[in-house]
């Protein structure tokens, strides 16, 4: 499989306070496209970063309406994958993907 196709299934890492707290438990959070499933995410993470994935949780964030300055704004939803790695392994997100 071509490297370009592997990176199509992982959009970006999510770096927030909550996701950095999860990194203490060997968990990494990535934003993924809406049409992917757990098997393809696991296969791509293992090939790109050369780590062993033990578990994947996928959360679907829905579209929502936000009111800013008296106007309604549509905030698009996305899908995020919380990936649990084998104990002792890690992914360095500072190098970029």
C-alpha atoms as a PDB file:
ATOM      1  CA  UNK A   1       0.000   0.000   0.000  1.00  0.00           C
ATOM      2  CA  UNK A   2       1.275   3.428  -0.913  1.00  0.00           C
ATOM      3  CA  UNK A   3       2.321   5.835   1.881  1.00  0.00           C
ATOM      4  CA  UNK A   4      -0.051   8.498   0.526  1.00  0.00           C
ATOM      5  CA  UNK A   5      -3.044   6.212   1.022  1.00  0.00           C
ATOM      6  CA  UNK A   6      -1.971   5.474   4.609  1.00  0.00           C
ATOM      7  CA  UNK A   7      -1.941   9.166   5.492  1.00  0.00           C
ATOM      8  CA  UNK A   8      -5.416   9.668   3.954  1.00  0.00           C
ATOM      9  CA  UNK A   9      -6.985   7.737   6.848  1.00  0.00           C
ATOM     10  CA  UNK A  10      -5.386   9.885   9.595  1.00  0.00           C
ATOM     11  CA  UNK A  11      -6.028  13.608   9.305  1.00  0.00           C
ATOM     12  CA  UNK A  12      -4.228  15.085  12.316  1.00  0.00           C
ATOM     13  CA  UNK A  13      -3.393  14.498  15.969  1.00  0.00           C
ATOM     14  CA  UNK A  14      -5.620  16.217  18.505  1.00  0.00           C
ATOM     15  CA  UNK A  15      -3.494  18.028  21.086  1.00  0.00           C
ATOM     16  CA  UNK A  16      -5.597  19.287  23.975  1.00  0.00           C
ATOM     17  CA  UNK A  17      -5.256  19.183  27.728  1.00  0.00           C
ATOM     18  CA  UNK A  18      -7.429  16.095  27.917  1.00  0.00           C
ATOM     19  CA  UNK A  19      -5.515  14.258  25.186  1.00  0.00           C
ATOM     20  CA  UNK A  20      -2.153  15.017  26.802  1.00  0.00           C
ATOM     21  CA  UNK A  21      -3.474  13.575  30.068  1.00  0.00           C
ATOM     22  CA  UNK A  22      -4.454  10.436  28.137  1.00  0.00           C
ATOM     23  CA  UNK A  23      -0.871  10.093  26.878  1.00  0.00           C
ATOM     24  CA  UNK A  24       0.134   9.047  30.407  1.00  0.00           C
ATOM     25  CA  UNK A  25      -2.032   5.946  29.864  1.00  0.00           C
ATOM     26  CA  UNK A  26      -0.384   5.139  26.471  1.00  0.00           C
ATOM     27  CA  UNK A  27      -3.320   6.662  24.555  1.00  0.00           C
ATOM     28  CA  UNK A  28      -3.052   8.943  21.519  1.00  0.00           C
ATOM     29  CA  UNK A  29      -5.962  10.871  19.938  1.00  0.00           C
ATOM     30  CA  UNK A  30      -6.229  11.414  16.170  1.00  0.00           C
ATOM     31  CA  UNK A  31      -8.805  13.123  13.957  1.00  0.00           C
ATOM     32  CA  UNK A  32      -9.915  10.700  11.232  1.00  0.00           C
ATOM     33  CA  UNK A  33     -12.287  10.896   8.216  1.00  0.00           C
ATOM     34  CA  UNK A  34     -15.966  10.126   8.783  1.00  0.00           C
ATOM     35  CA  UNK A  35     -15.991   6.946   6.668  1.00  0.00           C
ATOM     36  CA  UNK A  36     -13.138   4.986   8.292  1.00  0.00           C
ATOM     37  CA  UNK A  37     -13.527   2.089  10.703  1.00  0.00           C
ATOM     38  CA  UNK A  38     -11.406   0.629  13.495  1.00  0.00           C
ATOM     39  CA  UNK A  39      -9.668  -1.980  11.332  1.00  0.00           C
ATOM     40  CA  UNK A  40      -8.342   0.500   8.777  1.00  0.00           C
ATOM     41  CA  UNK A  41      -7.227   2.964  11.461  1.00  0.00           C
ATOM     42  CA  UNK A  42      -5.376   0.208  13.344  1.00  0.00           C
ATOM     43  CA  UNK A  43      -3.667  -1.063  10.196  1.00  0.00           C
ATOM     44  CA  UNK A  44      -2.557   2.427   9.142  1.00  0.00           C
ATOM     45  CA  UNK A  45      -1.276   3.479  12.589  1.00  0.00           C
ATOM     46  CA  UNK A  46       0.764   0.285  12.881  1.00  0.00           C
ATOM     47  CA  UNK A  47       2.286   0.755   9.412  1.00  0.00           C
ATOM     48  CA  UNK A  48       3.037   4.477   9.719  1.00  0.00           C
ATOM     49  CA  UNK A  49       4.431   4.627  13.261  1.00  0.00           C
ATOM     50  CA  UNK A  50       5.623   0.989  13.613  1.00  0.00           C
ATOM     51  CA  UNK A  51       3.885   0.429  16.973  1.00  0.00           C
ATOM     52  CA  UNK A  52       1.488  -2.220  18.293  1.00  0.00           C
ATOM     53  CA  UNK A  53      -2.100  -1.059  18.807  1.00  0.00           C
ATOM     54  CA  UNK A  54      -4.047  -2.906  21.498  1.00  0.00           C
ATOM     55  CA  UNK A  55      -7.366  -1.040  21.434  1.00  0.00           C
ATOM     56  CA  UNK A  56      -9.187   1.657  19.457  1.00  0.00           C
ATOM     57  CA  UNK A  57     -12.194   3.725  20.532  1.00  0.00           C
ATOM     58  CA  UNK A  58     -13.900   5.852  17.894  1.00  0.00           C
ATOM     59  CA  UNK A  59     -16.049   8.836  18.845  1.00  0.00           C
ATOM     60  CA  UNK A  60     -18.298  10.595  16.354  1.00  0.00           C
ATOM     61  CA  UNK A  61     -18.626  14.337  17.094  1.00  0.00           C
ATOM     62  CA  UNK A  62     -21.846  15.618  15.522  1.00  0.00           C
ATOM     63  CA  UNK A  63     -22.521  18.900  13.737  1.00  0.00           C
ATOM     64  CA  UNK A  64     -23.740  21.665  16.002  1.00  0.00           C
ATOM     65  CA  UNK A  65     -24.962  25.247  15.876  1.00  0.00           C
ATOM     66  CA  UNK A  66     -22.994  27.879  17.762  1.00  0.00           C
ATOM     67  CA  UNK A  67     -24.176  31.417  18.417  1.00  0.00           C
ATOM     68  CA  UNK A  68     -21.429  34.027  18.072  1.00  0.00           C
ATOM     69  CA  UNK A  69     -22.096  37.765  18.015  1.00  0.00           C
ATOM     70  CA  UNK A  70     -25.811  37.131  17.638  1.00  0.00           C
ATOM     71  CA  UNK A  71     -25.432  34.964  14.534  1.00  0.00           C
ATOM     72  CA  UNK A  72     -25.858  31.248  14.155  1.00  0.00           C
ATOM     73  CA  UNK A  73     -22.735  29.480  12.908  1.00  0.00           C
ATOM     74  CA  UNK A  74     -22.566  25.841  11.866  1.00  0.00           C
ATOM     75  CA  UNK A  75     -19.645  23.963  13.420  1.00  0.00           C
ATOM     76  CA  UNK A  76     -18.929  20.850  11.381  1.00  0.00           C
ATOM     77  CA  UNK A  77     -18.583  17.532  13.135  1.00  0.00           C
ATOM     78  CA  UNK A  78     -15.728  15.072  12.882  1.00  0.00           C
ATOM     79  CA  UNK A  79     -14.667  11.623  13.997  1.00  0.00           C
ATOM     80  CA  UNK A  80     -11.837  11.034  16.445  1.00  0.00           C
ATOM     81  CA  UNK A  81      -9.991   7.849  17.301  1.00  0.00           C
ATOM     82  CA  UNK A  82      -8.466   7.188  20.722  1.00  0.00           C
ATOM     83  CA  UNK A  83      -5.688   4.673  20.179  1.00  0.00           C
ATOM     84  CA  UNK A  84      -4.244   2.612  23.030  1.00  0.00           C
ATOM     85  CA  UNK A  85      -0.686   1.440  22.434  1.00  0.00           C
ATOM     86  CA  UNK A  86       1.127  -1.567  23.847  1.00  0.00           C
ATOM     87  CA  UNK A  87       2.811  -0.829  27.178  1.00  0.00           C
ATOM     88  CA  UNK A  88       6.245   0.731  26.716  1.00  0.00           C
ATOM     89  CA  UNK A  89       5.555   2.114  23.227  1.00  0.00           C
ATOM     90  CA  UNK A  90       4.839   5.720  22.312  1.00  0.00           C
ATOM     91  CA  UNK A  91       4.329   8.034  19.345  1.00  0.00           C
ATOM     92  CA  UNK A  92       6.226  11.345  19.243  1.00  0.00           C
ATOM     93  CA  UNK A  93       3.713  13.887  17.943  1.00  0.00           C
ATOM     94  CA  UNK A  94       6.219  16.753  17.878  1.00  0.00           C
ATOM     95  CA  UNK A  95       7.893  15.341  14.741  1.00  0.00           C
ATOM     96  CA  UNK A  96       4.672  15.593  12.716  1.00  0.00           C
ATOM     97  CA  UNK A  97       3.037  13.114  10.374  1.00  0.00           C
END
